[in-house]
């Protein structure tokens, strides 16, 4: 194995360890919030659709040791974390941290973005099958995505960058999206394009990140 390959393998291992730790920290903080508020198996008391994302971030941050909330890019010590252009796992550019959601800076160096939704029921298009190369829905002969509409019961979207604003800033490598479910759970394995496949590997103890290099 060449030196560049060894370096890349080491860098991926570091990101995998960081992601596994970040997932655990987020889930444990959520469980702590449920326990202290006697709301086991329910996220709606914290991820409340009647509240703003900033309000939720301020309250959620209380359950992380040493966390700091960045309500906006202009908040003191926060500007570098509101960067643009997070690449999808296998194509193009996606989400931007640039002021779209309040951030929680965790003590381990990871950054958590919070987007509270206005309802805990989302009518969502579900792919019946996905293209393994792109993570997108397979299409019919007319180019339409093949799938169906289903109601999913989640209250918020979160995005975690496990190494802060440092590169590579790509889903499935150092960035992952998650859903905060009404039933008390948080998952990071919902869509391959936003890191779901890599997250699934990490949860299963498989030290492999799956993404396309740009």
N, C-alpha and C. Protein backbone atom coordinates (compact mmCIF):
# COMPACT_ATOMS: atom_id res chain seq x y z
N UNK A 1 0.85 -1.19 0.00
CA UNK A 1 0.00 0.00 0.00
C UNK A 1 0.89 1.25 0.00
N UNK A 2 0.60 2.22 -0.87
CA UNK A 2 1.41 3.42 -0.99
C UNK A 2 1.17 4.35 0.19
N UNK A 3 2.11 5.30 0.37
CA UNK A 3 1.99 6.26 1.47
C UNK A 3 0.71 7.09 1.38
N UNK A 4 0.35 7.64 0.19
CA UNK A 4 -0.91 8.38 0.11
C UNK A 4 -2.11 7.53 0.50
N UNK A 5 -2.11 6.25 0.13
CA UNK A 5 -3.21 5.36 0.47
C UNK A 5 -3.27 5.13 1.98
N UNK A 6 -2.11 4.99 2.61
CA UNK A 6 -2.06 4.81 4.06
C UNK A 6 -2.57 6.05 4.78
N UNK A 7 -2.19 7.21 4.27
CA UNK A 7 -2.64 8.47 4.88
C UNK A 7 -4.15 8.61 4.76
N UNK A 8 -4.68 8.30 3.57
CA UNK A 8 -6.12 8.39 3.34
C UNK A 8 -6.87 7.41 4.24
N UNK A 9 -6.35 6.22 4.37
CA UNK A 9 -6.99 5.22 5.22
C UNK A 9 -7.01 5.67 6.66
N UNK A 10 -5.92 6.26 7.12
CA UNK A 10 -5.85 6.77 8.50
C UNK A 10 -6.84 7.91 8.70
N UNK A 11 -6.92 8.82 7.73
CA UNK A 11 -7.84 9.95 7.83
C UNK A 11 -9.29 9.47 7.91
N UNK A 12 -9.62 8.46 7.11
CA UNK A 12 -10.97 7.92 7.16
C UNK A 12 -11.25 7.27 8.50
N UNK A 13 -10.27 6.57 9.04
CA UNK A 13 -10.44 5.93 10.35
C UNK A 13 -10.73 6.99 11.42
N UNK A 14 -10.03 8.10 11.36
CA UNK A 14 -10.25 9.19 12.32
C UNK A 14 -11.67 9.72 12.20
N UNK A 15 -12.14 9.90 10.96
CA UNK A 15 -13.50 10.40 10.73
C UNK A 15 -14.55 9.40 11.20
N UNK A 16 -14.29 8.12 11.01
CA UNK A 16 -15.23 7.09 11.45
C UNK A 16 -15.34 7.10 12.97
N UNK A 17 -14.22 7.16 13.65
CA UNK A 17 -14.23 7.21 15.12
C UNK A 17 -14.96 8.46 15.61
N UNK A 18 -14.70 9.58 14.95
CA UNK A 18 -15.36 10.84 15.33
C UNK A 18 -16.87 10.77 15.10
N UNK A 19 -17.28 10.15 13.98
CA UNK A 19 -18.71 10.03 13.69
C UNK A 19 -19.39 9.13 14.71
N UNK A 20 -18.76 8.01 15.02
CA UNK A 20 -19.34 7.08 16.00
C UNK A 20 -19.52 7.79 17.35
N UNK A 21 -18.54 8.58 17.74
CA UNK A 21 -18.62 9.31 19.00
C UNK A 21 -19.71 10.37 18.95
N UNK A 22 -19.80 11.09 17.83
CA UNK A 22 -20.80 12.15 17.69
C UNK A 22 -22.22 11.58 17.73
N UNK A 23 -22.44 10.48 17.02
CA UNK A 23 -23.76 9.84 17.03
C UNK A 23 -24.15 9.46 18.47
N UNK A 24 -23.20 8.88 19.19
CA UNK A 24 -23.46 8.45 20.56
C UNK A 24 -23.75 9.64 21.47
N UNK A 25 -22.98 10.71 21.30
CA UNK A 25 -23.18 11.91 22.12
C UNK A 25 -24.56 12.50 21.90
N UNK A 26 -24.98 12.57 20.65
CA UNK A 26 -26.29 13.16 20.32
C UNK A 26 -27.43 12.30 20.86
N UNK A 27 -27.33 11.00 20.65
CA UNK A 27 -28.38 10.10 21.14
C UNK A 27 -28.44 10.13 22.67
N UNK A 28 -27.28 10.12 23.33
CA UNK A 28 -27.27 10.13 24.79
C UNK A 28 -27.83 11.43 25.35
N UNK A 29 -27.54 12.56 24.70
CA UNK A 29 -28.09 13.83 25.16
C UNK A 29 -29.60 13.85 25.04
N UNK A 30 -30.10 13.25 23.97
CA UNK A 30 -31.55 13.18 23.75
C UNK A 30 -32.21 12.29 24.80
N UNK A 31 -31.58 11.17 25.12
CA UNK A 31 -32.11 10.29 26.15
C UNK A 31 -32.07 10.97 27.52
N UNK A 32 -31.02 11.73 27.77
CA UNK A 32 -30.92 12.46 29.03
C UNK A 32 -32.05 13.47 29.15
N UNK A 33 -32.33 14.19 28.07
CA UNK A 33 -33.43 15.16 28.07
C UNK A 33 -34.75 14.46 28.36
N UNK A 34 -34.97 13.33 27.74
CA UNK A 34 -36.21 12.58 27.97
C UNK A 34 -36.31 12.12 29.42
N UNK A 35 -35.20 11.62 29.96
CA UNK A 35 -35.20 11.13 31.33
C UNK A 35 -35.46 12.24 32.34
N UNK A 36 -34.77 13.36 32.18
CA UNK A 36 -34.91 14.45 33.14
C UNK A 36 -36.29 15.10 33.08
N UNK A 37 -36.94 14.99 31.95
CA UNK A 37 -38.27 15.57 31.79
C UNK A 37 -39.40 14.54 31.87
N UNK A 38 -39.00 13.29 32.22
CA UNK A 38 -39.96 12.19 32.36
C UNK A 38 -40.81 12.04 31.09
N UNK A 39 -40.11 12.03 29.96
CA UNK A 39 -40.76 11.92 28.65
C UNK A 39 -40.08 10.85 27.82
N UNK A 40 -39.84 9.69 28.41
CA UNK A 40 -39.16 8.60 27.72
C UNK A 40 -39.96 8.20 26.48
N UNK A 41 -39.26 8.09 25.35
CA UNK A 41 -39.91 7.68 24.11
C UNK A 41 -40.71 8.77 23.43
N UNK A 42 -40.41 10.03 23.76
CA UNK A 42 -41.15 11.16 23.18
C UNK A 42 -40.20 12.34 23.00
N UNK A 43 -40.04 12.79 21.77
CA UNK A 43 -39.18 13.95 21.49
C UNK A 43 -39.93 15.27 21.37
N UNK A 44 -41.26 15.22 21.41
CA UNK A 44 -42.03 16.42 21.10
C UNK A 44 -41.96 17.49 22.18
N UNK A 45 -41.61 17.14 23.39
CA UNK A 45 -41.50 18.14 24.45
C UNK A 45 -40.32 19.06 24.21
N UNK A 46 -39.29 18.53 23.55
CA UNK A 46 -38.08 19.30 23.26
C UNK A 46 -38.09 19.83 21.84
N UNK A 47 -38.37 18.96 20.88
CA UNK A 47 -38.46 19.35 19.48
C UNK A 47 -39.93 19.67 19.19
N UNK A 48 -40.32 20.81 19.70
CA UNK A 48 -41.72 21.25 19.72
C UNK A 48 -42.02 22.06 18.46
N UNK A 49 -42.97 21.63 17.63
CA UNK A 49 -43.28 22.34 16.39
C UNK A 49 -43.73 23.79 16.59
N UNK A 50 -44.14 24.15 17.79
CA UNK A 50 -44.56 25.53 18.04
C UNK A 50 -43.37 26.45 18.32
N UNK A 51 -42.16 25.87 18.43
CA UNK A 51 -40.96 26.66 18.73
C UNK A 51 -40.13 26.86 17.48
N UNK A 52 -39.28 27.88 17.52
CA UNK A 52 -38.35 28.13 16.43
C UNK A 52 -37.13 27.22 16.56
N UNK A 53 -36.38 27.11 15.49
CA UNK A 53 -35.15 26.32 15.54
C UNK A 53 -34.18 26.87 16.58
N UNK A 54 -34.11 28.19 16.68
CA UNK A 54 -33.21 28.82 17.65
C UNK A 54 -33.62 28.49 19.08
N UNK A 55 -34.92 28.51 19.35
CA UNK A 55 -35.41 28.17 20.68
C UNK A 55 -35.09 26.72 21.03
N UNK A 56 -35.28 25.84 20.07
CA UNK A 56 -34.99 24.42 20.30
C UNK A 56 -33.50 24.21 20.54
N UNK A 57 -32.67 24.88 19.74
CA UNK A 57 -31.22 24.74 19.89
C UNK A 57 -30.76 25.19 21.29
N UNK A 58 -31.30 26.29 21.77
CA UNK A 58 -30.93 26.79 23.10
C UNK A 58 -31.29 25.79 24.18
N UNK A 59 -32.45 25.17 24.06
CA UNK A 59 -32.89 24.21 25.08
C UNK A 59 -32.12 22.89 24.96
N UNK A 60 -31.94 22.42 23.73
CA UNK A 60 -31.25 21.15 23.50
C UNK A 60 -29.80 21.20 23.98
N UNK A 61 -29.15 22.34 23.80
CA UNK A 61 -27.74 22.49 24.16
C UNK A 61 -27.49 22.26 25.65
N UNK A 62 -28.51 22.41 26.48
CA UNK A 62 -28.36 22.23 27.92
C UNK A 62 -28.00 20.79 28.29
N UNK A 63 -28.27 19.85 27.37
CA UNK A 63 -28.04 18.45 27.67
C UNK A 63 -26.72 17.93 27.13
N UNK A 64 -25.87 18.84 26.60
CA UNK A 64 -24.52 18.51 26.16
C UNK A 64 -23.54 19.22 27.08
N UNK A 65 -22.56 18.50 27.59
CA UNK A 65 -21.56 19.13 28.44
C UNK A 65 -20.69 20.10 27.64
N UNK A 66 -20.62 21.35 28.10
CA UNK A 66 -19.72 22.32 27.49
C UNK A 66 -20.13 22.81 26.13
N UNK A 67 -21.40 22.68 25.75
CA UNK A 67 -21.84 23.11 24.42
C UNK A 67 -22.06 24.61 24.36
N UNK A 68 -21.91 25.15 23.16
CA UNK A 68 -22.15 26.57 22.91
C UNK A 68 -23.13 26.70 21.75
N UNK A 69 -24.09 27.59 21.87
CA UNK A 69 -25.06 27.81 20.81
C UNK A 69 -24.62 28.98 19.94
N UNK A 70 -24.71 28.79 18.63
CA UNK A 70 -24.47 29.86 17.66
C UNK A 70 -25.79 30.15 16.94
N UNK A 71 -26.54 31.14 17.42
CA UNK A 71 -27.83 31.44 16.78
C UNK A 71 -27.68 31.91 15.34
N UNK A 72 -26.57 32.60 15.05
CA UNK A 72 -26.38 33.13 13.70
C UNK A 72 -24.90 33.29 13.40
N UNK A 73 -24.61 33.59 12.15
CA UNK A 73 -23.22 33.76 11.70
C UNK A 73 -22.55 34.94 12.37
N UNK A 74 -23.33 35.92 12.79
CA UNK A 74 -22.76 37.12 13.40
C UNK A 74 -22.52 36.97 14.89
N UNK A 75 -22.92 35.84 15.47
CA UNK A 75 -22.69 35.61 16.90
C UNK A 75 -21.19 35.47 17.15
N UNK A 76 -20.74 35.96 18.30
CA UNK A 76 -19.31 35.97 18.62
C UNK A 76 -18.71 34.56 18.56
N UNK A 77 -17.61 34.42 17.83
CA UNK A 77 -16.89 33.16 17.73
C UNK A 77 -17.56 32.10 16.89
N UNK A 78 -18.52 32.49 16.06
CA UNK A 78 -19.32 31.51 15.33
C UNK A 78 -19.15 31.54 13.82
N UNK A 79 -18.64 32.62 13.26
CA UNK A 79 -18.70 32.83 11.82
C UNK A 79 -18.07 31.70 11.01
N UNK A 80 -16.95 31.13 11.50
CA UNK A 80 -16.25 30.11 10.71
C UNK A 80 -17.03 28.82 10.57
N UNK A 81 -18.02 28.62 11.41
CA UNK A 81 -18.79 27.37 11.37
C UNK A 81 -19.97 27.45 10.40
N UNK A 82 -20.29 28.64 9.95
CA UNK A 82 -21.40 28.81 9.00
C UNK A 82 -20.85 28.82 7.57
N UNK A 83 -20.27 27.72 7.15
CA UNK A 83 -19.66 27.66 5.83
C UNK A 83 -20.66 27.21 4.77
N UNK A 84 -20.30 27.45 3.51
CA UNK A 84 -21.15 27.07 2.38
C UNK A 84 -20.74 25.71 1.82
N UNK A 85 -21.66 25.15 1.06
CA UNK A 85 -21.34 24.02 0.16
C UNK A 85 -20.90 22.74 0.87
N UNK A 86 -21.85 21.98 1.34
CA UNK A 86 -21.59 20.61 1.77
C UNK A 86 -21.91 19.70 0.59
N UNK A 87 -20.93 18.96 0.13
CA UNK A 87 -21.14 18.09 -1.02
C UNK A 87 -22.01 16.90 -0.65
N UNK A 88 -22.87 16.50 -1.60
CA UNK A 88 -23.60 15.25 -1.44
C UNK A 88 -22.62 14.08 -1.39
N UNK A 89 -23.12 12.91 -1.01
CA UNK A 89 -22.28 11.72 -0.96
C UNK A 89 -21.74 11.37 -2.35
N UNK A 90 -22.61 11.45 -3.37
CA UNK A 90 -22.17 11.01 -4.70
C UNK A 90 -22.40 12.03 -5.80
N UNK A 91 -22.93 13.21 -5.47
CA UNK A 91 -23.15 14.17 -6.55
C UNK A 91 -23.29 15.60 -6.03
N UNK A 92 -22.63 16.52 -6.70
CA UNK A 92 -22.88 17.94 -6.56
C UNK A 92 -22.74 18.54 -5.18
N UNK A 93 -23.49 19.62 -4.97
CA UNK A 93 -23.48 20.34 -3.71
C UNK A 93 -24.87 20.33 -3.11
N UNK A 94 -24.91 20.45 -1.80
CA UNK A 94 -26.19 20.36 -1.12
C UNK A 94 -26.33 21.48 -0.11
N UNK A 95 -26.63 21.08 1.09
CA UNK A 95 -26.95 21.98 2.20
C UNK A 95 -25.83 22.97 2.49
N UNK A 96 -26.19 24.13 2.98
CA UNK A 96 -25.23 25.13 3.43
C UNK A 96 -25.47 25.45 4.89
N UNK A 97 -24.41 25.57 5.67
CA UNK A 97 -24.52 26.00 7.06
C UNK A 97 -24.63 27.52 7.16
N UNK A 98 -24.62 28.21 6.04
CA UNK A 98 -24.49 29.66 6.05
C UNK A 98 -25.77 30.36 6.49
N UNK A 99 -26.08 30.25 7.78
CA UNK A 99 -27.20 30.98 8.36
C UNK A 99 -28.54 30.31 8.21
N UNK A 100 -28.59 29.09 7.66
CA UNK A 100 -29.88 28.44 7.44
C UNK A 100 -30.45 27.83 8.71
N UNK A 101 -29.60 27.47 9.65
CA UNK A 101 -30.04 26.86 10.90
C UNK A 101 -29.11 27.31 12.03
N UNK A 102 -29.62 27.42 13.26
CA UNK A 102 -28.74 27.67 14.39
C UNK A 102 -27.85 26.45 14.62
N UNK A 103 -26.68 26.68 15.17
CA UNK A 103 -25.72 25.61 15.40
C UNK A 103 -25.46 25.43 16.89
N UNK A 104 -25.13 24.19 17.26
CA UNK A 104 -24.64 23.88 18.59
C UNK A 104 -23.22 23.37 18.42
N UNK A 105 -22.26 24.06 19.04
CA UNK A 105 -20.86 23.63 19.00
C UNK A 105 -20.62 22.70 20.18
N UNK A 106 -20.29 21.44 19.90
CA UNK A 106 -20.09 20.47 20.96
C UNK A 106 -18.63 20.47 21.41
N UNK A 107 -18.40 20.02 22.63
CA UNK A 107 -17.07 20.11 23.23
C UNK A 107 -16.05 19.21 22.54
N UNK A 108 -16.51 18.20 21.77
CA UNK A 108 -15.57 17.32 21.07
C UNK A 108 -15.15 17.87 19.71
N UNK A 109 -15.63 19.07 19.36
CA UNK A 109 -15.25 19.70 18.10
C UNK A 109 -16.26 19.52 16.99
N UNK A 110 -17.28 18.72 17.21
CA UNK A 110 -18.32 18.55 16.19
C UNK A 110 -19.34 19.68 16.27
N UNK A 111 -20.06 19.87 15.18
CA UNK A 111 -21.04 20.95 15.07
C UNK A 111 -22.39 20.37 14.68
N UNK A 112 -23.42 20.78 15.38
CA UNK A 112 -24.76 20.24 15.17
C UNK A 112 -25.70 21.36 14.74
N UNK A 113 -26.31 21.20 13.56
CA UNK A 113 -27.30 22.16 13.06
C UNK A 113 -28.70 21.64 13.35
N UNK A 114 -29.59 22.54 13.76
CA UNK A 114 -30.96 22.17 14.13
C UNK A 114 -31.95 22.85 13.20
N UNK A 115 -32.85 22.07 12.60
CA UNK A 115 -33.95 22.67 11.84
C UNK A 115 -35.26 22.09 12.35
N UNK A 116 -35.92 22.86 13.21
CA UNK A 116 -37.20 22.44 13.75
C UNK A 116 -38.28 22.58 12.68
N UNK A 117 -39.12 21.56 12.54
CA UNK A 117 -40.21 21.58 11.58
C UNK A 117 -41.50 22.06 12.24
N UNK A 118 -42.46 22.48 11.45
CA UNK A 118 -43.70 23.03 11.98
C UNK A 118 -44.74 21.96 12.29
N UNK A 119 -44.40 20.70 12.05
CA UNK A 119 -45.27 19.58 12.35
C UNK A 119 -44.41 18.35 12.58
N UNK A 120 -44.94 17.38 13.32
CA UNK A 120 -44.23 16.11 13.51
C UNK A 120 -44.73 15.03 12.55
N UNK A 121 -45.52 15.43 11.57
CA UNK A 121 -45.96 14.51 10.52
C UNK A 121 -45.57 15.09 9.17
N UNK A 122 -44.74 14.37 8.42
CA UNK A 122 -44.24 14.84 7.14
C UNK A 122 -44.71 13.91 6.02
N UNK A 123 -45.38 14.47 5.03
CA UNK A 123 -45.74 13.69 3.85
C UNK A 123 -44.52 13.66 2.94
N UNK A 124 -43.93 12.49 2.79
CA UNK A 124 -42.63 12.35 2.15
C UNK A 124 -42.69 11.35 1.01
N UNK A 125 -42.00 11.68 -0.09
CA UNK A 125 -41.89 10.74 -1.21
C UNK A 125 -40.84 9.69 -0.86
N UNK A 126 -41.24 8.44 -0.89
CA UNK A 126 -40.35 7.32 -0.55
C UNK A 126 -39.99 6.57 -1.82
N UNK A 127 -38.70 6.40 -2.09
CA UNK A 127 -38.27 5.63 -3.26
C UNK A 127 -38.58 4.15 -3.05
N UNK A 128 -39.10 3.52 -4.09
CA UNK A 128 -39.29 2.08 -4.03
C UNK A 128 -37.97 1.33 -4.20
N UNK A 129 -37.03 1.96 -4.89
CA UNK A 129 -35.68 1.41 -5.06
C UNK A 129 -34.75 2.56 -5.40
N UNK A 130 -33.47 2.40 -5.11
CA UNK A 130 -32.51 3.46 -5.38
C UNK A 130 -31.39 2.97 -6.28
N UNK A 131 -30.83 3.91 -7.01
CA UNK A 131 -29.67 3.63 -7.87
C UNK A 131 -28.44 3.50 -6.97
N UNK A 132 -27.76 2.38 -6.95
CA UNK A 132 -26.61 2.20 -6.05
C UNK A 132 -25.46 3.15 -6.33
N UNK A 133 -25.39 3.69 -7.55
CA UNK A 133 -24.30 4.60 -7.89
C UNK A 133 -24.55 6.03 -7.43
N UNK A 134 -25.82 6.44 -7.37
CA UNK A 134 -26.12 7.83 -7.02
C UNK A 134 -26.88 7.98 -5.72
N UNK A 135 -27.55 6.93 -5.26
CA UNK A 135 -28.38 7.03 -4.07
C UNK A 135 -29.73 7.64 -4.35
N UNK A 136 -30.00 7.97 -5.61
CA UNK A 136 -31.28 8.56 -5.99
C UNK A 136 -32.29 7.48 -6.37
N UNK A 137 -33.57 7.89 -6.44
CA UNK A 137 -34.62 6.96 -6.84
C UNK A 137 -34.37 6.42 -8.24
N UNK A 138 -34.69 5.16 -8.44
CA UNK A 138 -34.70 4.65 -9.80
C UNK A 138 -35.87 5.29 -10.55
N UNK A 139 -35.76 5.36 -11.86
CA UNK A 139 -36.76 6.06 -12.68
C UNK A 139 -37.43 5.11 -13.67
N UNK A 140 -38.65 5.48 -14.05
CA UNK A 140 -39.35 4.69 -15.06
C UNK A 140 -38.89 5.12 -16.45
N UNK A 141 -39.50 4.56 -17.49
CA UNK A 141 -39.07 4.83 -18.87
C UNK A 141 -39.26 6.28 -19.27
N UNK A 142 -40.13 7.00 -18.55
CA UNK A 142 -40.37 8.41 -18.86
C UNK A 142 -39.54 9.35 -18.00
N UNK A 143 -38.67 8.78 -17.19
CA UNK A 143 -37.78 9.60 -16.37
C UNK A 143 -38.35 10.02 -15.04
N UNK A 144 -39.49 9.46 -14.64
CA UNK A 144 -40.10 9.80 -13.36
C UNK A 144 -39.58 8.88 -12.26
N UNK A 145 -39.34 9.45 -11.08
CA UNK A 145 -38.89 8.65 -9.95
C UNK A 145 -39.97 7.66 -9.55
N UNK A 146 -39.55 6.45 -9.24
CA UNK A 146 -40.48 5.39 -8.86
C UNK A 146 -40.58 5.33 -7.34
N UNK A 147 -41.78 5.58 -6.81
CA UNK A 147 -41.94 5.57 -5.37
C UNK A 147 -43.37 5.88 -4.98
N UNK A 148 -43.55 6.28 -3.72
CA UNK A 148 -44.90 6.56 -3.22
C UNK A 148 -44.83 7.59 -2.10
N UNK A 149 -45.95 8.24 -1.82
CA UNK A 149 -46.05 9.21 -0.74
C UNK A 149 -46.45 8.49 0.55
N UNK A 150 -45.74 8.82 1.63
CA UNK A 150 -46.06 8.21 2.92
C UNK A 150 -45.89 9.26 4.02
N UNK A 151 -46.68 9.15 5.08
CA UNK A 151 -46.55 10.03 6.23
C UNK A 151 -45.50 9.48 7.19
N UNK A 152 -44.48 10.29 7.46
CA UNK A 152 -43.43 9.93 8.40
C UNK A 152 -43.52 10.87 9.60
N UNK A 153 -43.31 10.32 10.78
CA UNK A 153 -43.54 11.10 11.99
C UNK A 153 -42.22 11.54 12.64
N UNK A 154 -41.63 12.57 12.04
CA UNK A 154 -40.44 13.17 12.64
C UNK A 154 -40.64 14.68 12.78
N UNK A 155 -39.97 15.24 13.77
CA UNK A 155 -40.23 16.62 14.19
C UNK A 155 -39.15 17.62 13.79
N UNK A 156 -37.97 17.12 13.48
CA UNK A 156 -36.86 18.02 13.17
C UNK A 156 -35.83 17.30 12.33
N UNK A 157 -35.05 18.08 11.59
CA UNK A 157 -33.87 17.59 10.89
C UNK A 157 -32.63 18.11 11.60
N UNK A 158 -31.63 17.29 11.68
CA UNK A 158 -30.35 17.74 12.23
C UNK A 158 -29.24 17.35 11.27
N UNK A 159 -28.19 18.12 11.30
CA UNK A 159 -26.99 17.80 10.52
C UNK A 159 -25.80 17.94 11.45
N UNK A 160 -24.92 16.94 11.45
CA UNK A 160 -23.73 16.99 12.28
C UNK A 160 -22.49 16.92 11.40
N UNK A 161 -21.58 17.85 11.64
CA UNK A 161 -20.25 17.80 11.02
C UNK A 161 -19.30 17.38 12.12
N UNK A 162 -18.73 16.20 11.99
CA UNK A 162 -17.99 15.60 13.10
C UNK A 162 -16.63 16.25 13.35
N UNK A 163 -16.15 17.06 12.43
CA UNK A 163 -14.86 17.75 12.65
C UNK A 163 -14.99 19.25 12.43
N UNK A 164 -16.17 19.79 12.75
CA UNK A 164 -16.37 21.23 12.65
C UNK A 164 -16.30 21.71 11.21
N UNK A 165 -15.66 22.83 11.01
CA UNK A 165 -15.60 23.42 9.67
C UNK A 165 -14.45 22.89 8.82
N UNK A 166 -13.69 21.95 9.33
CA UNK A 166 -12.57 21.39 8.57
C UNK A 166 -13.06 20.58 7.38
N UNK A 167 -12.21 20.47 6.36
CA UNK A 167 -12.50 19.64 5.19
C UNK A 167 -12.60 18.18 5.63
N UNK A 168 -13.28 17.34 4.82
CA UNK A 168 -13.71 17.56 3.44
C UNK A 168 -15.10 18.16 3.28
N UNK A 169 -15.88 18.28 4.35
CA UNK A 169 -17.24 18.84 4.27
C UNK A 169 -18.08 18.14 3.21
N UNK A 170 -18.20 16.84 3.37
CA UNK A 170 -18.99 16.02 2.45
C UNK A 170 -19.82 15.01 3.24
N UNK A 171 -21.09 14.90 2.84
CA UNK A 171 -21.95 13.89 3.45
C UNK A 171 -21.35 12.50 3.25
N UNK A 172 -21.41 11.70 4.30
CA UNK A 172 -20.87 10.35 4.22
C UNK A 172 -19.40 10.26 4.54
N UNK A 173 -18.76 11.40 4.74
CA UNK A 173 -17.35 11.42 5.15
C UNK A 173 -17.23 12.06 6.53
N UNK A 174 -17.50 13.37 6.61
CA UNK A 174 -17.47 14.03 7.92
C UNK A 174 -18.80 14.69 8.27
N UNK A 175 -19.79 14.62 7.38
CA UNK A 175 -21.09 15.25 7.62
C UNK A 175 -22.21 14.21 7.44
N UNK A 176 -23.20 14.28 8.33
CA UNK A 176 -24.33 13.34 8.29
C UNK A 176 -25.61 14.08 8.63
N UNK A 177 -26.69 13.70 7.96
CA UNK A 177 -27.99 14.26 8.31
C UNK A 177 -28.78 13.24 9.12
N UNK A 178 -29.65 13.75 9.97
CA UNK A 178 -30.46 12.86 10.79
C UNK A 178 -31.88 13.39 10.93
N UNK A 179 -32.75 12.52 11.39
CA UNK A 179 -34.12 12.89 11.68
C UNK A 179 -34.41 12.65 13.16
N UNK A 180 -35.12 13.61 13.76
CA UNK A 180 -35.56 13.48 15.15
C UNK A 180 -37.00 13.00 15.12
N UNK A 181 -37.21 11.75 15.50
CA UNK A 181 -38.52 11.14 15.37
C UNK A 181 -39.40 11.43 16.59
N UNK A 182 -40.67 11.49 16.34
CA UNK A 182 -41.65 11.75 17.39
C UNK A 182 -41.55 10.72 18.51
N UNK A 183 -41.22 9.47 18.17
CA UNK A 183 -41.21 8.38 19.14
C UNK A 183 -39.95 8.33 20.01
N UNK A 184 -39.15 9.40 19.97
CA UNK A 184 -38.00 9.49 20.85
C UNK A 184 -36.67 9.11 20.23
N UNK A 185 -36.69 8.59 19.01
CA UNK A 185 -35.46 8.14 18.37
C UNK A 185 -34.83 9.22 17.51
N UNK A 186 -33.54 9.04 17.22
CA UNK A 186 -32.81 9.84 16.24
C UNK A 186 -32.09 8.87 15.32
N UNK A 187 -32.22 9.07 14.01
CA UNK A 187 -31.55 8.19 13.06
C UNK A 187 -30.70 9.01 12.09
N UNK A 188 -29.62 8.39 11.62
CA UNK A 188 -28.72 9.02 10.66
C UNK A 188 -28.61 8.20 9.38
N UNK A 189 -29.51 7.28 9.18
CA UNK A 189 -29.38 6.31 8.08
C UNK A 189 -30.50 6.43 7.06
N UNK A 190 -31.10 7.61 6.93
CA UNK A 190 -32.32 7.73 6.16
C UNK A 190 -32.11 7.91 4.65
N UNK A 191 -30.99 8.49 4.22
CA UNK A 191 -30.78 8.71 2.79
C UNK A 191 -29.31 8.61 2.46
N UNK A 192 -28.98 7.82 1.47
CA UNK A 192 -27.59 7.62 1.09
C UNK A 192 -26.88 8.89 0.69
N UNK A 193 -27.60 9.81 0.01
CA UNK A 193 -26.97 11.04 -0.48
C UNK A 193 -26.53 11.96 0.66
N UNK A 194 -27.11 11.81 1.84
CA UNK A 194 -26.70 12.64 2.97
C UNK A 194 -26.01 11.81 4.05
N UNK A 195 -25.31 10.78 3.60
CA UNK A 195 -24.45 10.02 4.51
C UNK A 195 -25.07 8.78 5.11
N UNK A 196 -26.26 8.41 4.68
CA UNK A 196 -26.95 7.29 5.29
C UNK A 196 -26.23 5.96 5.18
N UNK A 197 -25.59 5.71 4.04
CA UNK A 197 -24.91 4.43 3.85
C UNK A 197 -23.68 4.33 4.75
N UNK A 198 -22.90 5.39 4.81
CA UNK A 198 -21.74 5.39 5.71
C UNK A 198 -22.19 5.28 7.16
N UNK A 199 -23.25 5.99 7.51
CA UNK A 199 -23.76 5.93 8.89
C UNK A 199 -24.23 4.52 9.24
N UNK A 200 -24.86 3.86 8.29
CA UNK A 200 -25.32 2.48 8.52
C UNK A 200 -24.12 1.56 8.77
N UNK A 201 -23.07 1.73 7.99
CA UNK A 201 -21.86 0.94 8.21
C UNK A 201 -21.30 1.18 9.61
N UNK A 202 -21.23 2.45 10.00
CA UNK A 202 -20.68 2.80 11.30
C UNK A 202 -21.49 2.19 12.43
N UNK A 203 -22.81 2.26 12.32
CA UNK A 203 -23.69 1.67 13.34
C UNK A 203 -23.50 0.16 13.44
N UNK A 204 -23.16 -0.47 12.32
CA UNK A 204 -23.01 -1.92 12.30
C UNK A 204 -21.58 -2.37 12.62
N UNK A 205 -20.72 -1.41 12.96
CA UNK A 205 -19.35 -1.73 13.31
C UNK A 205 -18.45 -1.97 12.12
N UNK A 206 -18.90 -1.54 10.94
CA UNK A 206 -18.11 -1.67 9.71
C UNK A 206 -17.37 -0.36 9.46
N UNK A 207 -16.06 -0.39 9.50
CA UNK A 207 -15.26 0.82 9.35
C UNK A 207 -15.05 1.14 7.87
N UNK A 208 -16.12 1.56 7.22
CA UNK A 208 -16.05 1.88 5.80
C UNK A 208 -16.96 3.06 5.49
N UNK A 209 -16.38 4.10 4.87
CA UNK A 209 -17.15 5.24 4.41
C UNK A 209 -17.43 5.06 2.92
N UNK A 210 -18.65 5.32 2.52
CA UNK A 210 -19.02 5.15 1.11
C UNK A 210 -19.41 6.50 0.53
N UNK A 211 -18.62 6.96 -0.43
CA UNK A 211 -18.82 8.27 -1.04
C UNK A 211 -18.07 8.32 -2.35
N UNK A 212 -18.35 9.33 -3.16
CA UNK A 212 -17.65 9.56 -4.41
C UNK A 212 -16.71 10.74 -4.24
N UNK A 213 -15.49 10.58 -4.68
CA UNK A 213 -14.51 11.66 -4.57
C UNK A 213 -14.78 12.74 -5.59
N UNK A 214 -14.62 13.99 -5.19
CA UNK A 214 -14.80 15.13 -6.12
C UNK A 214 -13.50 15.90 -6.22
